[in-house]
Amino acid sequence: MVIYHNGECSKCRGALEILQEKNIPHEVCWYMADPLSKEELKTILKKLRLRAFNLVRQHEELYKQQYADKQLTEDEWIE
């Protein structure tokens, strides 16, 4: 199992803690320090059956200020 981890995120830390407590084998991908390639992201989205927009943090100021009113394509969101 791979956990895509952001150490600043309380939900990420909680998920990692659960995996460690239950001794579930896992690999940690620190995506903030080592960003995913476009192809890696597309592969993950396909496995999850999600669109890129579904991963966007819509409550963040960056989204509200720069993207909330935009109609972007799937590839543009991935970019």
C-alpha atoms as a PDB file:
ATOM      1  CA  MET A   1       0.000   0.000   0.000  1.00  0.00           C
ATOM      2  CA  VAL A   2       1.197   3.495  -0.800  1.00  0.00           C
ATOM      3  CA  ILE A   3       0.134   6.480   1.261  1.00  0.00           C
ATOM      4  CA  TYR A   4       0.566   9.869  -0.398  1.00  0.00           C
ATOM      5  CA  HIS A   5       1.568  11.887   2.611  1.00  0.00           C
ATOM      6  CA  ASN A   6       1.670  15.562   3.508  1.00  0.00           C
ATOM      7  CA  GLY A   7       3.176  15.934   6.972  1.00  0.00           C
ATOM      8  CA  GLU A   8       1.353  19.261   7.441  1.00  0.00           C
ATOM      9  CA  CYS A   9      -2.062  17.606   7.013  1.00  0.00           C
ATOM     10  CA  SER A  10      -3.740  16.233  10.150  1.00  0.00           C
ATOM     11  CA  LYS A  11      -5.747  13.672   8.143  1.00  0.00           C
ATOM     12  CA  CYS A  12      -2.557  12.401   6.483  1.00  0.00           C
ATOM     13  CA  ARG A  13      -0.841  12.108   9.850  1.00  0.00           C
ATOM     14  CA  GLY A  14      -3.857  10.274  11.273  1.00  0.00           C
ATOM     15  CA  ALA A  15      -3.974   7.815   8.385  1.00  0.00           C
ATOM     16  CA  LEU A  16      -0.262   7.107   8.696  1.00  0.00           C
ATOM     17  CA  GLU A  17      -0.639   6.598  12.443  1.00  0.00           C
ATOM     18  CA  ILE A  18      -3.408   4.021  11.887  1.00  0.00           C
ATOM     19  CA  LEU A  19      -1.271   2.098   9.390  1.00  0.00           C
ATOM     20  CA  GLN A  20       1.641   2.081  11.810  1.00  0.00           C
ATOM     21  CA  GLU A  21      -0.478   1.087  14.837  1.00  0.00           C
ATOM     22  CA  LYS A  22      -2.020  -1.828  12.944  1.00  0.00           C
ATOM     23  CA  ASN A  23       1.333  -2.867  11.448  1.00  0.00           C
ATOM     24  CA  ILE A  24      -0.066  -2.607   7.927  1.00  0.00           C
ATOM     25  CA  PRO A  25       2.790  -2.705   5.422  1.00  0.00           C
ATOM     26  CA  HIS A  26       2.976   0.567   3.531  1.00  0.00           C
ATOM     27  CA  GLU A  27       5.211   2.875   1.578  1.00  0.00           C
ATOM     28  CA  VAL A  28       5.137   6.624   2.199  1.00  0.00           C
ATOM     29  CA  CYS A  29       5.254   8.959  -0.777  1.00  0.00           C
ATOM     30  CA  TRP A  30       6.067  12.506   0.371  1.00  0.00           C
ATOM     31  CA  TYR A  31       4.353  14.149  -2.586  1.00  0.00           C
ATOM     32  CA  MET A  32       4.970  17.715  -1.382  1.00  0.00           C
ATOM     33  CA  ALA A  33       8.752  17.172  -1.383  1.00  0.00           C
ATOM     34  CA  ASP A  34       8.770  14.919  -4.442  1.00  0.00           C
ATOM     35  CA  PRO A  35       5.798  15.885  -6.656  1.00  0.00           C
ATOM     36  CA  LEU A  36       4.099  13.250  -8.755  1.00  0.00           C
ATOM     37  CA  SER A  37       4.615  13.286 -12.499  1.00  0.00           C
ATOM     38  CA  LYS A  38       1.618  13.892 -14.724  1.00  0.00           C
ATOM     39  CA  GLU A  39       1.636  10.219 -15.688  1.00  0.00           C
ATOM     40  CA  GLU A  40       1.749   9.064 -12.051  1.00  0.00           C
ATOM     41  CA  LEU A  41      -1.171  11.335 -11.243  1.00  0.00           C
ATOM     42  CA  LYS A  42      -3.162  10.097 -14.238  1.00  0.00           C
ATOM     43  CA  THR A  43      -2.538   6.490 -13.154  1.00  0.00           C
ATOM     44  CA  ILE A  44      -3.766   7.215  -9.621  1.00  0.00           C
ATOM     45  CA  LEU A  45      -6.844   9.053 -10.896  1.00  0.00           C
ATOM     46  CA  LYS A  46      -7.689   6.133 -13.172  1.00  0.00           C
ATOM     47  CA  LYS A  47      -7.361   3.619 -10.319  1.00  0.00           C
ATOM     48  CA  LEU A  48      -9.547   5.777  -8.087  1.00  0.00           C
ATOM     49  CA  ARG A  49     -12.015   6.473 -10.897  1.00  0.00           C
ATOM     50  CA  LEU A  50     -11.784  10.181 -10.118  1.00  0.00           C
ATOM     51  CA  ARG A  51     -11.332  13.335 -12.123  1.00  0.00           C
ATOM     52  CA  ALA A  52      -8.447  15.640 -11.243  1.00  0.00           C
ATOM     53  CA  PHE A  53     -10.846  18.331 -10.011  1.00  0.00           C
ATOM     54  CA  ASN A  54     -11.980  15.949  -7.247  1.00  0.00           C
ATOM     55  CA  LEU A  55      -8.503  16.224  -5.699  1.00  0.00           C
ATOM     56  CA  VAL A  56      -8.530  20.034  -5.679  1.00  0.00           C
ATOM     57  CA  ARG A  57      -8.727  21.598  -2.221  1.00  0.00           C
ATOM     58  CA  GLN A  58     -11.595  23.959  -2.929  1.00  0.00           C
ATOM     59  CA  HIS A  59     -11.515  25.620   0.499  1.00  0.00           C
ATOM     60  CA  GLU A  60      -7.941  26.859   0.055  1.00  0.00           C
ATOM     61  CA  GLU A  61      -7.412  30.557  -0.653  1.00  0.00           C
ATOM     62  CA  LEU A  62      -5.320  29.797  -3.745  1.00  0.00           C
ATOM     63  CA  TYR A  63      -8.266  27.953  -5.303  1.00  0.00           C
ATOM     64  CA  LYS A  64     -10.772  30.626  -4.321  1.00  0.00           C
ATOM     65  CA  GLN A  65      -8.633  33.458  -5.662  1.00  0.00           C
ATOM     66  CA  GLN A  66      -7.262  31.948  -8.851  1.00  0.00           C
ATOM     67  CA  TYR A  67      -9.333  28.960  -9.947  1.00  0.00           C
ATOM     68  CA  ALA A  68     -12.894  29.023  -8.579  1.00  0.00           C
ATOM     69  CA  ASP A  69     -14.289  30.815 -11.612  1.00  0.00           C
ATOM     70  CA  LYS A  70     -12.320  28.847 -14.209  1.00  0.00           C
ATOM     71  CA  GLN A  71     -13.571  26.019 -16.409  1.00  0.00           C
ATOM     72  CA  LEU A  72     -10.426  23.929 -16.881  1.00  0.00           C
ATOM     73  CA  THR A  73      -9.997  20.716 -18.804  1.00  0.00           C
ATOM     74  CA  GLU A  74      -8.840  17.503 -17.154  1.00  0.00           C
ATOM     75  CA  ASP A  75      -5.311  18.035 -18.486  1.00  0.00           C
ATOM     76  CA  GLU A  76      -5.269  21.635 -17.249  1.00  0.00           C
ATOM     77  CA  TRP A  77      -6.235  20.513 -13.722  1.00  0.00           C
ATOM     78  CA  ILE A  78      -3.533  17.858 -13.836  1.00  0.00           C
ATOM     79  CA  GLU A  79      -0.992  20.463 -14.912  1.00  0.00           C
END
